[in-house]
Amino acid sequence: AWTTAWMSDEGRRKLAAYGIAPPQRRADGPVL
């Protein structure tokens, strides 16, 4: 299944600049 971890850092920057709060960047391991 798709996960927000697949979203690029550039995509996260573009979302924020567009006015959409991007998902948090997650590392492997526990879900924060």
Full PDB file with SEQRES, HELIX, SHEET, SSBOND, CRYST1, ORIGX, SCALE, CONECT and MASTER records, all heavy atoms in Angstrom:
SEQRES   1 A   32  ALA TRP THR THR ALA TRP MET SER ASP GLU GLY ARG ARG          
SEQRES   2 A   32  LYS LEU ALA ALA TYR GLY ILE ALA PRO PRO GLN ARG ARG          
SEQRES   3 A   32  ALA ASP GLY PRO VAL LEU                                      
HELIX    1 AA1 THR A    4  TRP A    6  5                                   3    
HELIX    2 AA2 ASP A    9  TYR A   18  1                                  10    
CRYST1    1.000    1.000    1.000  90.00  90.00  90.00 P 1           1          
ORIGX1      1.000000  0.000000  0.000000        0.00000                         
ORIGX2      0.000000  1.000000  0.000000        0.00000                         
ORIGX3      0.000000  0.000000  1.000000        0.00000                         
SCALE1      1.000000  0.000000  0.000000        0.00000                         
SCALE2      0.000000  1.000000  0.000000        0.00000                         
SCALE3      0.000000  0.000000  1.000000        0.00000                         
ATOM      1  N   ALA A   1       0.834  -1.195   0.000  1.00  0.00           N  
ATOM      2  CA  ALA A   1       0.000   0.000   0.000  1.00  0.00           C  
ATOM      3  C   ALA A   1       0.875   1.254   0.000  1.00  0.00           C  
ATOM      4  O   ALA A   1       1.954   1.286   0.599  1.00  0.00           O  
ATOM      5  CB  ALA A   1      -0.911   0.005   1.225  1.00  0.00           C  
ATOM      6  N   TRP A   2       0.388   2.275  -0.700  1.00  0.00           N  
ATOM      7  CA  TRP A   2       1.088   3.558  -0.753  1.00  0.00           C  
ATOM      8  C   TRP A   2       1.242   4.116   0.660  1.00  0.00           C  
ATOM      9  O   TRP A   2       0.380   3.945   1.519  1.00  0.00           O  
ATOM     10  CB  TRP A   2       0.296   4.543  -1.613  1.00  0.00           C  
ATOM     11  CG  TRP A   2       0.929   5.888  -1.721  1.00  0.00           C  
ATOM     12  CD1 TRP A   2       1.883   6.281  -2.625  1.00  0.00           C  
ATOM     13  CD2 TRP A   2       0.662   7.040  -0.912  1.00  0.00           C  
ATOM     14  NE1 TRP A   2       2.213   7.592  -2.415  1.00  0.00           N  
ATOM     15  CE2 TRP A   2       1.477   8.079  -1.363  1.00  0.00           C  
ATOM     16  CE3 TRP A   2      -0.183   7.265   0.160  1.00  0.00           C  
ATOM     17  CZ2 TRP A   2       1.474   9.346  -0.802  1.00  0.00           C  
ATOM     18  CZ3 TRP A   2      -0.193   8.525   0.732  1.00  0.00           C  
ATOM     19  CH2 TRP A   2       0.624   9.551   0.252  1.00  0.00           C  
ATOM     20  N   THR A   3       2.340   4.784   0.891  1.00  0.00           N  
ATOM     21  CA  THR A   3       2.599   5.436   2.161  1.00  0.00           C  
ATOM     22  C   THR A   3       3.196   6.814   1.900  1.00  0.00           C  
ATOM     23  O   THR A   3       3.844   7.038   0.869  1.00  0.00           O  
ATOM     24  CB  THR A   3       3.566   4.597   3.032  1.00  0.00           C  
ATOM     25  OG1 THR A   3       3.966   5.366   4.165  1.00  0.00           O  
ATOM     26  CG2 THR A   3       4.805   4.185   2.275  1.00  0.00           C  
ATOM     27  N   THR A   4       2.969   7.730   2.821  1.00  0.00           N  
ATOM     28  CA  THR A   4       3.531   9.075   2.665  1.00  0.00           C  
ATOM     29  C   THR A   4       5.058   9.054   2.693  1.00  0.00           C  
ATOM     30  O   THR A   4       5.687  10.021   2.271  1.00  0.00           O  
ATOM     31  CB  THR A   4       2.998  10.030   3.751  1.00  0.00           C  
ATOM     32  OG1 THR A   4       3.207   9.450   5.039  1.00  0.00           O  
ATOM     33  CG2 THR A   4       1.520  10.310   3.546  1.00  0.00           C  
ATOM     34  N   ALA A   5       5.658   7.966   3.146  1.00  0.00           N  
ATOM     35  CA  ALA A   5       7.116   7.843   3.111  1.00  0.00           C  
ATOM     36  C   ALA A   5       7.630   7.841   1.673  1.00  0.00           C  
ATOM     37  O   ALA A   5       8.799   8.161   1.436  1.00  0.00           O  
ATOM     38  CB  ALA A   5       7.560   6.573   3.843  1.00  0.00           C  
ATOM     39  N   TRP A   6       6.776   7.490   0.720  1.00  0.00           N  
ATOM     40  CA  TRP A   6       7.183   7.478  -0.692  1.00  0.00           C  
ATOM     41  C   TRP A   6       7.196   8.870  -1.304  1.00  0.00           C  
ATOM     42  O   TRP A   6       7.700   9.074  -2.394  1.00  0.00           O  
ATOM     43  CB  TRP A   6       6.264   6.579  -1.500  1.00  0.00           C  
ATOM     44  CG  TRP A   6       6.332   5.130  -1.147  1.00  0.00           C  
ATOM     45  CD1 TRP A   6       7.185   4.524  -0.260  1.00  0.00           C  
ATOM     46  CD2 TRP A   6       5.507   4.096  -1.657  1.00  0.00           C  
ATOM     47  NE1 TRP A   6       6.926   3.188  -0.208  1.00  0.00           N  
ATOM     48  CE2 TRP A   6       5.898   2.882  -1.053  1.00  0.00           C  
ATOM     49  CE3 TRP A   6       4.457   4.072  -2.566  1.00  0.00           C  
ATOM     50  CZ2 TRP A   6       5.294   1.664  -1.347  1.00  0.00           C  
ATOM     51  CZ3 TRP A   6       3.854   2.862  -2.846  1.00  0.00           C  
ATOM     52  CH2 TRP A   6       4.276   1.671  -2.243  1.00  0.00           C  
ATOM     53  N   MET A   7       6.628   9.850  -0.632  1.00  0.00           N  
ATOM     54  CA  MET A   7       6.592  11.210  -1.153  1.00  0.00           C  
ATOM     55  C   MET A   7       8.002  11.816  -1.075  1.00  0.00           C  
ATOM     56  O   MET A   7       8.688  11.666  -0.069  1.00  0.00           O  
ATOM     57  CB  MET A   7       5.607  12.054  -0.336  1.00  0.00           C  
ATOM     58  CG  MET A   7       5.342  13.413  -0.937  1.00  0.00           C  
ATOM     59  SD  MET A   7       4.163  14.367   0.042  1.00  0.00           S  
ATOM     60  CE  MET A   7       2.670  13.446  -0.266  1.00  0.00           C  
ATOM     61  N   SER A   8       8.406  12.484  -2.133  1.00  0.00           N  
ATOM     62  CA  SER A   8       9.746  13.075  -2.172  1.00  0.00           C  
ATOM     63  C   SER A   8       9.820  14.322  -1.280  1.00  0.00           C  
ATOM     64  O   SER A   8       8.801  14.956  -0.978  1.00  0.00           O  
ATOM     65  CB  SER A   8      10.117  13.457  -3.604  1.00  0.00           C  
ATOM     66  OG  SER A   8       9.350  14.565  -4.044  1.00  0.00           O  
ATOM     67  N   ASP A   9      11.040  14.657  -0.877  1.00  0.00           N  
ATOM     68  CA  ASP A   9      11.244  15.892  -0.111  1.00  0.00           C  
ATOM     69  C   ASP A   9      10.823  17.107  -0.933  1.00  0.00           C  
ATOM     70  O   ASP A   9      10.246  18.051  -0.407  1.00  0.00           O  
ATOM     71  CB  ASP A   9      12.705  16.020   0.327  1.00  0.00           C  
ATOM     72  CG  ASP A   9      13.083  15.030   1.410  1.00  0.00           C  
ATOM     73  OD1 ASP A   9      12.186  14.570   2.154  1.00  0.00           O  
ATOM     74  OD2 ASP A   9      14.279  14.699   1.516  1.00  0.00           O  
ATOM     75  N   GLU A  10      11.094  17.049  -2.239  1.00  0.00           N  
ATOM     76  CA  GLU A  10      10.674  18.140  -3.127  1.00  0.00           C  
ATOM     77  C   GLU A  10       9.150  18.241  -3.158  1.00  0.00           C  
ATOM     78  O   GLU A  10       8.593  19.334  -3.139  1.00  0.00           O  
ATOM     79  CB  GLU A  10      11.220  17.913  -4.542  1.00  0.00           C  
ATOM     80  CG  GLU A  10      10.808  18.971  -5.540  1.00  0.00           C  
ATOM     81  CD  GLU A  10      11.369  20.348  -5.268  1.00  0.00           C  
ATOM     82  OE1 GLU A  10      12.321  20.485  -4.459  1.00  0.00           O  
ATOM     83  OE2 GLU A  10      10.844  21.320  -5.841  1.00  0.00           O  
ATOM     84  N   GLY A  11       8.475  17.111  -3.173  1.00  0.00           N  
ATOM     85  CA  GLY A  11       7.018  17.107  -3.132  1.00  0.00           C  
ATOM     86  C   GLY A  11       6.486  17.725  -1.855  1.00  0.00           C  
ATOM     87  O   GLY A  11       5.516  18.483  -1.869  1.00  0.00           O  
ATOM     88  N   ARG A  12       7.131  17.437  -0.732  1.00  0.00           N  
ATOM     89  CA  ARG A  12       6.730  18.026   0.550  1.00  0.00           C  
ATOM     90  C   ARG A  12       6.908  19.546   0.527  1.00  0.00           C  
ATOM     91  O   ARG A  12       6.061  20.290   1.002  1.00  0.00           O  
ATOM     92  CB  ARG A  12       7.538  17.412   1.688  1.00  0.00           C  
ATOM     93  CG  ARG A  12       7.215  15.967   1.928  1.00  0.00           C  
ATOM     94  CD  ARG A  12       8.259  15.321   2.865  1.00  0.00           C  
ATOM     95  NE  ARG A  12       8.199  13.888   2.753  1.00  0.00           N  
ATOM     96  CZ  ARG A  12       7.342  13.113   3.417  1.00  0.00           C  
ATOM     97  NH1 ARG A  12       6.496  13.650   4.261  1.00  0.00           N  
ATOM     98  NH2 ARG A  12       7.342  11.813   3.241  1.00  0.00           N  
ATOM     99  N   ARG A  13       8.020  20.005  -0.057  1.00  0.00           N  
ATOM    100  CA  ARG A  13       8.250  21.454  -0.170  1.00  0.00           C  
ATOM    101  C   ARG A  13       7.189  22.102  -1.061  1.00  0.00           C  
ATOM    102  O   ARG A  13       6.686  23.181  -0.763  1.00  0.00           O  
ATOM    103  CB  ARG A  13       9.653  21.728  -0.710  1.00  0.00           C  
ATOM    104  CG  ARG A  13      10.749  21.572   0.324  1.00  0.00           C  
ATOM    105  CD  ARG A  13      12.097  22.090  -0.176  1.00  0.00           C  
ATOM    106  NE  ARG A  13      12.661  21.246  -1.230  1.00  0.00           N  
ATOM    107  CZ  ARG A  13      13.336  20.117  -1.012  1.00  0.00           C  
ATOM    108  NH1 ARG A  13      13.541  19.694   0.216  1.00  0.00           N  
ATOM    109  NH2 ARG A  13      13.823  19.420  -2.009  1.00  0.00           N  
ATOM    110  N   LYS A  14       6.865  21.443  -2.179  1.00  0.00           N  
ATOM    111  CA  LYS A  14       5.866  21.983  -3.099  1.00  0.00           C  
ATOM    112  C   LYS A  14       4.494  22.081  -2.419  1.00  0.00           C  
ATOM    113  O   LYS A  14       3.778  23.060  -2.616  1.00  0.00           O  
ATOM    114  CB  LYS A  14       5.751  21.102  -4.343  1.00  0.00           C  
ATOM    115  CG  LYS A  14       6.934  21.199  -5.282  1.00  0.00           C  
ATOM    116  CD  LYS A  14       6.752  20.223  -6.444  1.00  0.00           C  
ATOM    117  CE  LYS A  14       7.899  20.224  -7.399  1.00  0.00           C  
ATOM    118  NZ  LYS A  14       7.713  19.220  -8.479  1.00  0.00           N  
ATOM    119  N   LEU A  15       4.129  21.060  -1.626  1.00  0.00           N  
ATOM    120  CA  LEU A  15       2.854  21.111  -0.910  1.00  0.00           C  
ATOM    121  C   LEU A  15       2.796  22.312   0.014  1.00  0.00           C  
ATOM    122  O   LEU A  15       1.809  23.049   0.033  1.00  0.00           O  
ATOM    123  CB  LEU A  15       2.648  19.837  -0.089  1.00  0.00           C  
ATOM    124  CG  LEU A  15       2.119  18.611  -0.801  1.00  0.00           C  
ATOM    125  CD1 LEU A  15       2.070  17.430   0.158  1.00  0.00           C  
ATOM    126  CD2 LEU A  15       0.754  18.865  -1.407  1.00  0.00           C  
ATOM    127  N   ALA A  16       3.840  22.502   0.817  1.00  0.00           N  
ATOM    128  CA  ALA A  16       3.868  23.617   1.770  1.00  0.00           C  
ATOM    129  C   ALA A  16       3.773  24.962   1.045  1.00  0.00           C  
ATOM    130  O   ALA A  16       3.031  25.852   1.470  1.00  0.00           O  
ATOM    131  CB  ALA A  16       5.120  23.551   2.631  1.00  0.00           C  
ATOM    132  N   ALA A  17       4.504  25.102  -0.061  1.00  0.00           N  
ATOM    133  CA  ALA A  17       4.470  26.356  -0.817  1.00  0.00           C  
ATOM    134  C   ALA A  17       3.093  26.593  -1.433  1.00  0.00           C  
ATOM    135  O   ALA A  17       2.678  27.740  -1.611  1.00  0.00           O  
ATOM    136  CB  ALA A  17       5.537  26.336  -1.910  1.00  0.00           C  
ATOM    137  N   TYR A  18       2.368  25.525  -1.712  1.00  0.00           N  
ATOM    138  CA  TYR A  18       1.033  25.604  -2.311  1.00  0.00           C  
ATOM    139  C   TYR A  18      -0.046  25.870  -1.258  1.00  0.00           C  
ATOM    140  O   TYR A  18      -1.187  26.151  -1.581  1.00  0.00           O  
ATOM    141  CB  TYR A  18       0.766  24.279  -3.040  1.00  0.00           C  
ATOM    142  CG  TYR A  18      -0.447  24.241  -3.919  1.00  0.00           C  
ATOM    143  CD1 TYR A  18      -0.589  25.074  -5.035  1.00  0.00           C  
ATOM    144  CD2 TYR A  18      -1.464  23.325  -3.676  1.00  0.00           C  
ATOM    145  CE1 TYR A  18      -1.704  24.992  -5.861  1.00  0.00           C  
ATOM    146  CE2 TYR A  18      -2.581  23.236  -4.497  1.00  0.00           C  
ATOM    147  CZ  TYR A  18      -2.691  24.078  -5.579  1.00  0.00           C  
ATOM    148  OH  TYR A  18      -3.793  23.993  -6.404  1.00  0.00           O  
ATOM    149  N   GLY A  19       0.314  25.753   0.020  1.00  0.00           N  
ATOM    150  CA  GLY A  19      -0.646  26.012   1.094  1.00  0.00           C  
ATOM    151  C   GLY A  19      -1.271  24.762   1.690  1.00  0.00           C  
ATOM    152  O   GLY A  19      -2.245  24.851   2.420  1.00  0.00           O  
ATOM    153  N   ILE A  20      -0.694  23.589   1.387  1.00  0.00           N  
ATOM    154  CA  ILE A  20      -1.150  22.325   1.971  1.00  0.00           C  
ATOM    155  C   ILE A  20      -0.075  21.843   2.933  1.00  0.00           C  
ATOM    156  O   ILE A  20       1.084  21.725   2.552  1.00  0.00           O  
ATOM    157  CB  ILE A  20      -1.407  21.258   0.895  1.00  0.00           C  
ATOM    158  CG1 ILE A  20      -2.511  21.719  -0.062  1.00  0.00           C  
ATOM    159  CG2 ILE A  20      -1.763  19.915   1.537  1.00  0.00           C  
ATOM    160  CD1 ILE A  20      -2.726  20.786  -1.244  1.00  0.00           C  
ATOM    161  N   ALA A  21      -0.443  21.598   4.189  1.00  0.00           N  
ATOM    162  CA  ALA A  21       0.522  21.103   5.163  1.00  0.00           C  
ATOM    163  C   ALA A  21       0.955  19.694   4.744  1.00  0.00           C  
ATOM    164  O   ALA A  21       0.115  18.815   4.576  1.00  0.00           O  
ATOM    165  CB  ALA A  21      -0.081  21.084   6.560  1.00  0.00           C  
ATOM    166  N   PRO A  22       2.265  19.488   4.538  1.00  0.00           N  
ATOM    167  CA  PRO A  22       2.726  18.167   4.109  1.00  0.00           C  
ATOM    168  C   PRO A  22       2.720  17.166   5.259  1.00  0.00           C  
ATOM    169  O   PRO A  22       2.724  17.552   6.426  1.00  0.00           O  
ATOM    170  CB  PRO A  22       4.157  18.438   3.632  1.00  0.00           C  
ATOM    171  CG  PRO A  22       4.596  19.615   4.427  1.00  0.00           C  
ATOM    172  CD  PRO A  22       3.358  20.448   4.651  1.00  0.00           C  
ATOM    173  N   PRO A  23       2.729  15.867   4.922  1.00  0.00           N  
ATOM    174  CA  PRO A  23       2.839  14.856   5.978  1.00  0.00           C  
ATOM    175  C   PRO A  23       4.227  14.920   6.599  1.00  0.00           C  
ATOM    176  O   PRO A  23       5.175  15.422   5.984  1.00  0.00           O  
ATOM    177  CB  PRO A  23       2.620  13.542   5.231  1.00  0.00           C  
ATOM    178  CG  PRO A  23       3.036  13.829   3.826  1.00  0.00           C  
ATOM    179  CD  PRO A  23       2.694  15.269   3.592  1.00  0.00           C  
ATOM    180  N   GLN A  24       4.340  14.410   7.808  1.00  0.00           N  
ATOM    181  CA  GLN A  24       5.624  14.379   8.489  1.00  0.00           C  
ATOM    182  C   GLN A  24       6.539  13.366   7.818  1.00  0.00           C  
ATOM    183  O   GLN A  24       6.099  12.360   7.293  1.00  0.00           O  
ATOM    184  CB  GLN A  24       5.441  13.992   9.962  1.00  0.00           C  
ATOM    185  CG  GLN A  24       4.578  14.947  10.742  1.00  0.00           C  
ATOM    186  CD  GLN A  24       5.201  16.323  10.846  1.00  0.00           C  
ATOM    187  OE1 GLN A  24       6.377  16.468  11.157  1.00  0.00           O  
ATOM    188  NE2 GLN A  24       4.420  17.340  10.563  1.00  0.00           N  
ATOM    189  N   ARG A  25       7.840  13.642   7.845  1.00  0.00           N  
ATOM    190  CA  ARG A  25       8.824  12.695   7.314  1.00  0.00           C  
ATOM    191  C   ARG A  25       9.031  11.639   8.382  1.00  0.00           C  
ATOM    192  O   ARG A  25       9.287  11.964   9.530  1.00  0.00           O  
ATOM    193  CB  ARG A  25      10.130  13.432   6.994  1.00  0.00           C  
ATOM    194  CG  ARG A  25      11.321  12.578   6.691  1.00  0.00           C  
ATOM    195  CD  ARG A  25      11.211  11.665   5.513  1.00  0.00           C  
ATOM    196  NE  ARG A  25      11.321  12.309   4.236  1.00  0.00           N  
ATOM    197  CZ  ARG A  25      11.052  11.653   3.113  1.00  0.00           C  
ATOM    198  NH1 ARG A  25      10.684  10.408   3.139  1.00  0.00           N  
ATOM    199  NH2 ARG A  25      11.145  12.255   1.973  1.00  0.00           N  
ATOM    200  N   ARG A  26       8.881  10.358   8.022  1.00  0.00           N  
ATOM    201  CA  ARG A  26       9.046   9.274   8.979  1.00  0.00           C  
ATOM    202  C   ARG A  26      10.259   8.443   8.622  1.00  0.00           C  
ATOM    203  O   ARG A  26      10.523   8.183   7.459  1.00  0.00           O  
ATOM    204  CB  ARG A  26       7.858   8.311   8.957  1.00  0.00           C  
ATOM    205  CG  ARG A  26       6.584   8.878   9.367  1.00  0.00           C  
ATOM    206  CD  ARG A  26       5.533   7.829   9.615  1.00  0.00           C  
ATOM    207  NE  ARG A  26       5.496   6.715   8.703  1.00  0.00           N  
ATOM    208  CZ  ARG A  26       4.391   6.133   8.290  1.00  0.00           C  
ATOM    209  NH1 ARG A  26       3.238   6.576   8.708  1.00  0.00           N  
ATOM    210  NH2 ARG A  26       4.413   5.117   7.482  1.00  0.00           N  
ATOM    211  N   ALA A  27      10.935   7.992   9.642  1.00  0.00           N  
ATOM    212  CA  ALA A  27      11.997   7.022   9.457  1.00  0.00           C  
ATOM    213  C   ALA A  27      11.393   5.639   9.660  1.00  0.00           C  
ATOM    214  O   ALA A  27      10.290   5.502  10.175  1.00  0.00           O  
ATOM    215  CB  ALA A  27      13.111   7.269  10.470  1.00  0.00           C  
ATOM    216  N   ASP A  28      12.106   4.610   9.240  1.00  0.00           N  
ATOM    217  CA  ASP A  28      11.646   3.258   9.528  1.00  0.00           C  
ATOM    218  C   ASP A  28      11.664   3.062  11.029  1.00  0.00           C  
ATOM    219  O   ASP A  28      12.479   3.628  11.741  1.00  0.00           O  
ATOM    220  CB  ASP A  28      12.551   2.232   8.852  1.00  0.00           C  
ATOM    221  CG  ASP A  28      12.386   2.230   7.347  1.00  0.00           C  
ATOM    222  OD1 ASP A  28      11.311   2.616   6.866  1.00  0.00           O  
ATOM    223  OD2 ASP A  28      13.340   1.834   6.652  1.00  0.00           O  
ATOM    224  N   GLY A  29      10.771   2.270  11.529  1.00  0.00           N  
ATOM    225  CA  GLY A  29      10.707   2.012  12.969  1.00  0.00           C  
ATOM    226  C   GLY A  29       9.370   2.437  13.519  1.00  0.00           C  
ATOM    227  O   GLY A  29       8.366   2.438  12.810  1.00  0.00           O  
ATOM    228  N   PRO A  30       9.343   2.822  14.786  1.00  0.00           N  
ATOM    229  CA  PRO A  30       8.067   3.187  15.421  1.00  0.00           C  
ATOM    230  C   PRO A  30       7.409   4.368  14.721  1.00  0.00           C  
ATOM    231  O   PRO A  30       8.080   5.263  14.219  1.00  0.00           O  
ATOM    232  CB  PRO A  30       8.455   3.569  16.854  1.00  0.00           C  
ATOM    233  CG  PRO A  30       9.852   3.102  17.039  1.00  0.00           C  
ATOM    234  CD  PRO A  30      10.470   2.949  15.690  1.00  0.00           C  
ATOM    235  N   VAL A  31       6.094   4.346  14.678  1.00  0.00           N  
ATOM    236  CA  VAL A  31       5.331   5.451  14.103  1.00  0.00           C  
ATOM    237  C   VAL A  31       5.233   6.539  15.166  1.00  0.00           C  
ATOM    238  O   VAL A  31       4.749   6.300  16.271  1.00  0.00           O  
ATOM    239  CB  VAL A  31       3.920   4.989  13.676  1.00  0.00           C  
ATOM    240  CG1 VAL A  31       3.100   6.168  13.188  1.00  0.00           C  
ATOM    241  CG2 VAL A  31       4.029   3.918  12.609  1.00  0.00           C  
ATOM    242  N   LEU A  32       5.706   7.722  14.828  1.00  0.00           N  
ATOM    243  CA  LEU A  32       5.670   8.834  15.766  1.00  0.00           C  
ATOM    244  C   LEU A  32       4.328   9.536  15.682  1.00  0.00           C  
ATOM    245  O   LEU A  32       3.768   9.702  14.599  1.00  0.00           O  
ATOM    246  CB  LEU A  32       6.796   9.818  15.457  1.00  0.00           C  
ATOM    247  CG  LEU A  32       8.208   9.222  15.502  1.00  0.00           C  
ATOM    248  CD1 LEU A  32       9.224  10.279  15.089  1.00  0.00           C  
ATOM    249  CD2 LEU A  32       8.528   8.676  16.878  1.00  0.00           C  
TER     250      LEU A  32                                                      
MASTER        0    0    0    2    0    0    0    6  249    1    0    3          
END                                                                             
